[in-house]
Amino acid sequence: MTQRWTPPPVGIMKINTDDAFHEKTHSGGWFTLRNDIGAVAAAEAGNLEHVSDTLHTEALAMLHAVNVAIRIGCDRLILETDSLLLKQALTSNIYDLSHLGAIFRDIKCQHRVGLSHVSVKHCSRECNHVAYTLAAHGTTM
């Protein structure tokens, strides 16, 4: 059974992030922000430099996406990632003391300060294809 991206409920925006980490260049990808009918409110592709691993890339992409969403006036978000580790890091304190802990804490702080509702979900790469395509393109920039 093929999995597909599903829209968020009415009044909630959904962020999808992904990475295309390249070990040689230590670079990665970005995000999409879509509404309940799938229309893109924001999307970015870029080259994240000086990242240590795929989780680092995923976390920076999510932090940037949340900041963009807040800046354009979104206050109810679903954060969707194909990284189980990122989902765990954002829904618990387990990784707060890790080498990426400051980034995880920054994302969670944005939840508390700038958003009235947020949930974090895991999805398969098939559901995240648009974000992955942007991420892959970002590594060429």
N, C-alpha and C. Protein backbone atom coordinates (compact mmCIF):
# COMPACT_ATOMS: atom_id res chain seq x y z
N MET A 1 0.84 -1.18 0.00
CA MET A 1 0.00 0.00 0.00
C MET A 1 0.89 1.25 0.00
N THR A 2 0.66 2.14 -0.93
CA THR A 2 1.43 3.37 -1.03
C THR A 2 0.88 4.40 -0.06
N GLN A 3 1.78 5.01 0.70
CA GLN A 3 1.37 6.06 1.61
C GLN A 3 1.48 7.40 0.90
N ARG A 4 0.60 8.33 1.25
CA ARG A 4 0.58 9.64 0.63
C ARG A 4 0.51 10.71 1.71
N TRP A 5 0.94 11.91 1.33
CA TRP A 5 0.81 13.05 2.21
C TRP A 5 -0.67 13.31 2.47
N THR A 6 -1.01 13.61 3.70
CA THR A 6 -2.39 13.95 4.04
C THR A 6 -2.44 15.38 4.57
N PRO A 7 -3.46 16.12 4.20
CA PRO A 7 -3.56 17.51 4.66
C PRO A 7 -3.89 17.58 6.15
N PRO A 8 -3.54 18.69 6.77
CA PRO A 8 -3.90 18.87 8.18
C PRO A 8 -5.38 19.24 8.30
N PRO A 9 -5.92 19.20 9.50
CA PRO A 9 -7.30 19.66 9.70
C PRO A 9 -7.43 21.15 9.36
N VAL A 10 -8.64 21.59 9.11
CA VAL A 10 -8.92 22.99 8.79
C VAL A 10 -8.39 23.88 9.91
N GLY A 11 -7.71 24.95 9.52
CA GLY A 11 -7.19 25.92 10.49
C GLY A 11 -5.81 25.60 11.03
N ILE A 12 -5.25 24.48 10.60
CA ILE A 12 -3.91 24.08 11.04
C ILE A 12 -3.02 23.97 9.81
N MET A 13 -1.79 24.40 9.95
CA MET A 13 -0.80 24.29 8.88
C MET A 13 0.11 23.11 9.18
N LYS A 14 0.65 22.51 8.13
CA LYS A 14 1.56 21.37 8.31
C LYS A 14 2.92 21.68 7.70
N ILE A 15 3.95 21.46 8.52
CA ILE A 15 5.33 21.57 8.07
C ILE A 15 5.85 20.17 7.78
N ASN A 16 6.47 20.00 6.63
CA ASN A 16 7.20 18.78 6.31
C ASN A 16 8.65 19.18 6.07
N THR A 17 9.55 18.54 6.77
CA THR A 17 10.98 18.79 6.56
C THR A 17 11.64 17.51 6.11
N ASP A 18 12.76 17.66 5.47
CA ASP A 18 13.57 16.50 5.11
C ASP A 18 14.99 16.97 4.87
N ASP A 19 15.87 16.01 4.81
CA ASP A 19 17.26 16.32 4.53
C ASP A 19 17.72 15.49 3.36
N ALA A 20 18.81 15.91 2.80
CA ALA A 20 19.51 15.13 1.78
C ALA A 20 20.98 15.23 2.14
N PHE A 21 21.31 14.73 3.31
CA PHE A 21 22.65 14.89 3.87
C PHE A 21 23.70 14.22 3.00
N HIS A 22 24.75 14.97 2.73
CA HIS A 22 25.90 14.45 1.99
C HIS A 22 27.12 14.51 2.91
N GLU A 23 27.69 13.35 3.17
CA GLU A 23 28.80 13.28 4.12
C GLU A 23 30.01 14.09 3.68
N LYS A 24 30.31 14.11 2.39
CA LYS A 24 31.49 14.85 1.92
C LYS A 24 31.34 16.35 2.08
N THR A 25 30.17 16.88 1.76
CA THR A 25 29.97 18.33 1.81
C THR A 25 29.33 18.79 3.11
N HIS A 26 28.82 17.84 3.90
CA HIS A 26 28.12 18.17 5.15
C HIS A 26 27.04 19.21 4.90
N SER A 27 26.18 18.93 3.94
CA SER A 27 25.11 19.87 3.59
C SER A 27 23.78 19.15 3.55
N GLY A 28 22.68 19.93 3.54
CA GLY A 28 21.38 19.29 3.58
C GLY A 28 20.26 20.09 2.99
N GLY A 29 19.03 19.92 3.50
CA GLY A 29 17.84 20.40 2.82
C GLY A 29 16.92 21.32 3.59
N TRP A 30 15.60 21.31 3.26
CA TRP A 30 14.69 22.28 3.84
C TRP A 30 13.27 21.79 4.07
N PHE A 31 12.23 22.58 3.68
CA PHE A 31 10.88 22.30 4.16
C PHE A 31 9.78 22.78 3.22
N THR A 32 8.55 22.32 3.51
CA THR A 32 7.32 22.88 2.94
C THR A 32 6.36 23.17 4.08
N LEU A 33 5.52 24.19 3.88
CA LEU A 33 4.47 24.55 4.82
C LEU A 33 3.19 24.63 4.00
N ARG A 34 2.23 23.75 4.32
CA ARG A 34 0.99 23.69 3.53
C ARG A 34 -0.24 23.74 4.42
N ASN A 35 -1.34 24.17 3.80
CA ASN A 35 -2.60 24.29 4.54
C ASN A 35 -3.48 23.05 4.34
N ASP A 36 -4.73 23.17 4.79
CA ASP A 36 -5.64 22.02 4.78
C ASP A 36 -6.10 21.58 3.39
N ILE A 37 -5.87 22.39 2.36
CA ILE A 37 -6.18 21.94 0.99
C ILE A 37 -4.90 21.60 0.22
N GLY A 38 -3.78 21.64 0.92
CA GLY A 38 -2.50 21.28 0.29
C GLY A 38 -1.79 22.42 -0.39
N ALA A 39 -2.37 23.63 -0.33
CA ALA A 39 -1.72 24.79 -0.95
C ALA A 39 -0.46 25.16 -0.16
N VAL A 40 0.59 25.48 -0.87
CA VAL A 40 1.87 25.81 -0.25
C VAL A 40 1.85 27.26 0.21
N ALA A 41 2.06 27.46 1.51
CA ALA A 41 2.16 28.81 2.07
C ALA A 41 3.61 29.28 2.09
N ALA A 42 4.53 28.33 2.21
CA ALA A 42 5.97 28.64 2.18
C ALA A 42 6.71 27.35 1.87
N ALA A 43 7.81 27.50 1.19
CA ALA A 43 8.69 26.36 0.90
C ALA A 43 10.07 26.92 0.63
N GLU A 44 11.06 26.22 1.08
CA GLU A 44 12.43 26.67 0.84
C GLU A 44 13.32 25.47 0.56
N ALA A 45 14.28 25.72 -0.30
CA ALA A 45 15.36 24.76 -0.55
C ALA A 45 16.64 25.54 -0.36
N GLY A 46 17.59 24.95 0.27
CA GLY A 46 18.85 25.63 0.49
C GLY A 46 19.91 24.66 0.93
N ASN A 47 21.10 25.18 1.04
CA ASN A 47 22.24 24.36 1.41
C ASN A 47 22.61 24.67 2.85
N LEU A 48 22.33 23.75 3.74
CA LEU A 48 22.74 23.89 5.13
C LEU A 48 24.19 23.43 5.24
N GLU A 49 25.05 24.34 5.61
CA GLU A 49 26.47 24.01 5.66
C GLU A 49 26.91 23.69 7.08
N HIS A 50 28.00 22.96 7.17
CA HIS A 50 28.66 22.64 8.43
C HIS A 50 27.76 21.85 9.38
N VAL A 51 27.01 20.92 8.84
CA VAL A 51 26.19 20.04 9.67
C VAL A 51 26.93 18.73 9.88
N SER A 52 26.69 18.09 11.01
CA SER A 52 27.46 16.90 11.37
C SER A 52 26.85 15.60 10.89
N ASP A 53 25.54 15.55 10.76
CA ASP A 53 24.88 14.31 10.37
C ASP A 53 23.45 14.60 9.93
N THR A 54 22.75 13.56 9.56
CA THR A 54 21.39 13.73 9.03
C THR A 54 20.43 14.30 10.08
N LEU A 55 20.57 13.90 11.34
CA LEU A 55 19.70 14.44 12.39
C LEU A 55 19.94 15.94 12.58
N HIS A 56 21.18 16.36 12.49
CA HIS A 56 21.53 17.78 12.58
C HIS A 56 20.83 18.56 11.47
N THR A 57 20.89 18.02 10.25
CA THR A 57 20.25 18.67 9.11
C THR A 57 18.74 18.74 9.29
N GLU A 58 18.14 17.63 9.70
CA GLU A 58 16.68 17.59 9.93
C GLU A 58 16.27 18.61 10.99
N ALA A 59 17.04 18.68 12.08
CA ALA A 59 16.70 19.59 13.17
C ALA A 59 16.80 21.05 12.75
N LEU A 60 17.87 21.41 12.03
CA LEU A 60 18.01 22.79 11.56
C LEU A 60 16.90 23.16 10.58
N ALA A 61 16.54 22.24 9.71
CA ALA A 61 15.45 22.49 8.76
C ALA A 61 14.14 22.73 9.51
N MET A 62 13.87 21.93 10.54
CA MET A 62 12.64 22.09 11.33
C MET A 62 12.64 23.41 12.08
N LEU A 63 13.77 23.77 12.69
CA LEU A 63 13.86 25.04 13.40
C LEU A 63 13.58 26.21 12.45
N HIS A 64 14.18 26.18 11.31
CA HIS A 64 13.97 27.25 10.33
C HIS A 64 12.50 27.28 9.88
N ALA A 65 11.93 26.13 9.62
CA ALA A 65 10.53 26.06 9.16
C ALA A 65 9.57 26.60 10.21
N VAL A 66 9.78 26.24 11.47
CA VAL A 66 8.92 26.75 12.55
C VAL A 66 9.05 28.27 12.65
N ASN A 67 10.27 28.77 12.55
CA ASN A 67 10.47 30.23 12.61
C ASN A 67 9.77 30.93 11.45
N VAL A 68 9.85 30.38 10.26
CA VAL A 68 9.16 30.96 9.10
C VAL A 68 7.65 30.93 9.32
N ALA A 69 7.12 29.81 9.79
CA ALA A 69 5.68 29.69 10.02
C ALA A 69 5.19 30.74 11.02
N ILE A 70 5.92 30.92 12.09
CA ILE A 70 5.54 31.93 13.09
C ILE A 70 5.62 33.33 12.48
N ARG A 71 6.67 33.58 11.72
CA ARG A 71 6.86 34.90 11.10
C ARG A 71 5.72 35.27 10.15
N ILE A 72 5.15 34.28 9.46
CA ILE A 72 4.06 34.59 8.53
C ILE A 72 2.68 34.48 9.19
N GLY A 73 2.65 34.27 10.51
CA GLY A 73 1.39 34.34 11.24
C GLY A 73 0.73 33.03 11.59
N CYS A 74 1.37 31.92 11.38
CA CYS A 74 0.79 30.62 11.75
C CYS A 74 0.92 30.43 13.25
N ASP A 75 -0.13 29.95 13.89
CA ASP A 75 -0.02 29.66 15.31
C ASP A 75 -0.48 28.25 15.67
N ARG A 76 -0.95 27.49 14.68
CA ARG A 76 -1.36 26.11 14.91
C ARG A 76 -0.66 25.26 13.85
N LEU A 77 0.24 24.36 14.32
CA LEU A 77 1.08 23.61 13.39
C LEU A 77 1.11 22.12 13.70
N ILE A 78 1.26 21.35 12.64
CA ILE A 78 1.68 19.96 12.73
C ILE A 78 3.08 19.91 12.14
N LEU A 79 4.02 19.38 12.90
CA LEU A 79 5.38 19.20 12.43
C LEU A 79 5.52 17.75 12.02
N GLU A 80 5.77 17.50 10.75
CA GLU A 80 5.82 16.13 10.24
C GLU A 80 7.21 15.87 9.68
N THR A 81 7.82 14.78 10.13
CA THR A 81 9.17 14.43 9.72
C THR A 81 9.26 12.93 9.47
N ASP A 82 10.16 12.55 8.59
CA ASP A 82 10.40 11.12 8.40
C ASP A 82 11.52 10.62 9.30
N SER A 83 12.00 11.45 10.21
CA SER A 83 13.04 11.08 11.16
C SER A 83 12.42 10.73 12.51
N LEU A 84 12.48 9.45 12.86
CA LEU A 84 11.97 9.03 14.16
C LEU A 84 12.76 9.67 15.29
N LEU A 85 14.07 9.82 15.10
CA LEU A 85 14.90 10.45 16.14
C LEU A 85 14.48 11.90 16.37
N LEU A 86 14.20 12.64 15.31
CA LEU A 86 13.77 14.02 15.48
C LEU A 86 12.42 14.07 16.19
N LYS A 87 11.51 13.21 15.82
CA LYS A 87 10.21 13.17 16.50
C LYS A 87 10.41 12.91 17.99
N GLN A 88 11.25 11.92 18.33
CA GLN A 88 11.51 11.62 19.74
C GLN A 88 12.15 12.81 20.45
N ALA A 89 13.09 13.47 19.78
CA ALA A 89 13.77 14.61 20.38
C ALA A 89 12.82 15.77 20.65
N LEU A 90 11.79 15.92 19.82
CA LEU A 90 10.86 17.03 19.97
C LEU A 90 9.69 16.72 20.90
N THR A 91 9.50 15.46 21.21
CA THR A 91 8.37 15.07 22.07
C THR A 91 8.82 14.57 23.44
N SER A 92 10.11 14.67 23.73
CA SER A 92 10.63 14.25 25.03
C SER A 92 11.86 15.10 25.36
N ASN A 93 12.44 14.84 26.52
CA ASN A 93 13.67 15.53 26.92
C ASN A 93 14.89 14.63 26.78
N ILE A 94 14.73 13.47 26.18
CA ILE A 94 15.79 12.47 26.10
C ILE A 94 17.06 13.01 25.46
N TYR A 95 16.92 13.81 24.42
CA TYR A 95 18.08 14.26 23.66
C TYR A 95 18.50 15.70 23.99
N ASP A 96 17.92 16.30 25.02
CA ASP A 96 18.21 17.70 25.33
C ASP A 96 19.67 17.95 25.71
N LEU A 97 20.37 16.95 26.20
CA LEU A 97 21.77 17.12 26.57
C LEU A 97 22.72 16.59 25.51
N SER A 98 22.20 16.21 24.36
CA SER A 98 23.04 15.71 23.27
C SER A 98 23.73 16.88 22.58
N HIS A 99 24.59 16.58 21.62
CA HIS A 99 25.30 17.64 20.89
C HIS A 99 24.34 18.52 20.08
N LEU A 100 23.12 18.06 19.85
CA LEU A 100 22.11 18.85 19.14
C LEU A 100 21.02 19.37 20.07
N GLY A 101 21.21 19.18 21.36
CA GLY A 101 20.19 19.54 22.34
C GLY A 101 19.73 20.98 22.27
N ALA A 102 20.66 21.91 22.02
CA ALA A 102 20.28 23.32 21.95
C ALA A 102 19.28 23.57 20.82
N ILE A 103 19.46 22.89 19.70
CA ILE A 103 18.53 23.05 18.58
C ILE A 103 17.17 22.48 18.94
N PHE A 104 17.15 21.29 19.55
CA PHE A 104 15.88 20.69 19.96
C PHE A 104 15.15 21.59 20.95
N ARG A 105 15.89 22.14 21.91
CA ARG A 105 15.28 23.03 22.90
C ARG A 105 14.76 24.31 22.24
N ASP A 106 15.48 24.84 21.26
CA ASP A 106 15.01 26.03 20.54
C ASP A 106 13.67 25.76 19.84
N ILE A 107 13.56 24.61 19.19
CA ILE A 107 12.31 24.27 18.51
C ILE A 107 11.18 24.16 19.53
N LYS A 108 11.43 23.47 20.64
CA LYS A 108 10.40 23.30 21.66
C LYS A 108 10.04 24.63 22.31
N CYS A 109 11.00 25.52 22.45
CA CYS A 109 10.73 26.85 23.00
C CYS A 109 9.80 27.63 22.07
N GLN A 110 10.01 27.50 20.77
CA GLN A 110 9.12 28.16 19.80
C GLN A 110 7.69 27.65 19.96
N HIS A 111 7.54 26.37 20.28
CA HIS A 111 6.19 25.81 20.52
C HIS A 111 5.51 26.57 21.64
N ARG A 112 6.24 26.75 22.73
CA ARG A 112 5.65 27.36 23.92
C ARG A 112 5.40 28.86 23.75
N VAL A 113 6.27 29.54 23.03
CA VAL A 113 6.21 30.99 22.94
C VAL A 113 5.33 31.47 21.78
N GLY A 114 5.50 30.88 20.60
CA GLY A 114 4.86 31.44 19.42
C GLY A 114 3.67 30.69 18.88
N LEU A 115 3.32 29.56 19.48
CA LEU A 115 2.26 28.73 18.90
C LEU A 115 1.20 28.38 19.93
N SER A 116 -0.06 28.38 19.50
CA SER A 116 -1.14 27.98 20.40
C SER A 116 -1.38 26.47 20.37
N HIS A 117 -0.99 25.82 19.27
CA HIS A 117 -1.16 24.37 19.14
C HIS A 117 -0.03 23.83 18.28
N VAL A 118 0.55 22.73 18.73
CA VAL A 118 1.57 22.06 17.91
C VAL A 118 1.53 20.57 18.21
N SER A 119 1.68 19.77 17.18
CA SER A 119 1.86 18.33 17.36
C SER A 119 2.97 17.89 16.43
N VAL A 120 3.65 16.84 16.84
CA VAL A 120 4.77 16.31 16.07
C VAL A 120 4.41 14.90 15.63
N LYS A 121 4.56 14.64 14.34
CA LYS A 121 4.19 13.34 13.79
C LYS A 121 5.32 12.78 12.95
N HIS A 122 5.36 11.47 12.89
CA HIS A 122 6.30 10.77 12.01
C HIS A 122 5.55 10.36 10.75
N CYS A 123 6.23 10.43 9.63
CA CYS A 123 5.66 9.97 8.36
C CYS A 123 6.74 9.25 7.57
N SER A 124 6.33 8.48 6.62
CA SER A 124 7.30 7.79 5.76
C SER A 124 7.87 8.78 4.74
N ARG A 125 8.97 8.42 4.13
CA ARG A 125 9.55 9.28 3.10
C ARG A 125 8.57 9.48 1.94
N GLU A 126 7.74 8.46 1.63
CA GLU A 126 6.77 8.62 0.54
C GLU A 126 5.80 9.77 0.83
N CYS A 127 5.44 9.95 2.08
CA CYS A 127 4.54 11.05 2.46
C CYS A 127 5.25 12.39 2.46
N ASN A 128 6.53 12.36 2.39
CA ASN A 128 7.36 13.55 2.54
C ASN A 128 8.11 13.87 1.25
N HIS A 129 7.60 13.40 0.12
CA HIS A 129 8.34 13.48 -1.14
C HIS A 129 8.66 14.91 -1.57
N VAL A 130 7.73 15.83 -1.40
CA VAL A 130 7.98 17.21 -1.83
C VAL A 130 9.13 17.81 -1.02
N ALA A 131 9.11 17.61 0.30
CA ALA A 131 10.20 18.14 1.14
C ALA A 131 11.52 17.48 0.77
N TYR A 132 11.50 16.19 0.51
CA TYR A 132 12.74 15.51 0.12
C TYR A 132 13.28 16.06 -1.20
N THR A 133 12.40 16.29 -2.16
CA THR A 133 12.83 16.83 -3.45
C THR A 133 13.46 18.21 -3.28
N LEU A 134 12.86 19.05 -2.44
CA LEU A 134 13.45 20.36 -2.15
C LEU A 134 14.80 20.22 -1.47
N ALA A 135 14.89 19.28 -0.53
CA ALA A 135 16.15 19.06 0.18
C ALA A 135 17.24 18.62 -0.78
N ALA A 136 16.91 17.69 -1.65
CA ALA A 136 17.89 17.21 -2.63
C ALA A 136 18.34 18.35 -3.54
N HIS A 137 17.40 19.19 -3.95
CA HIS A 137 17.75 20.34 -4.78
C HIS A 137 18.63 21.32 -4.00
N GLY A 138 18.33 21.47 -2.72
CA GLY A 138 19.10 22.40 -1.89
C GLY A 138 20.57 22.06 -1.81
N THR A 139 20.90 20.79 -1.89
CA THR A 139 22.32 20.41 -1.80
C THR A 139 23.10 20.82 -3.03
N THR A 140 22.41 21.16 -4.10
CA THR A 140 23.10 21.58 -5.33
C THR A 140 23.28 23.09 -5.39
N MET A 141 22.74 23.80 -4.44
CA MET A 141 22.78 25.27 -4.47
C MET A 141 24.07 25.81 -3.89
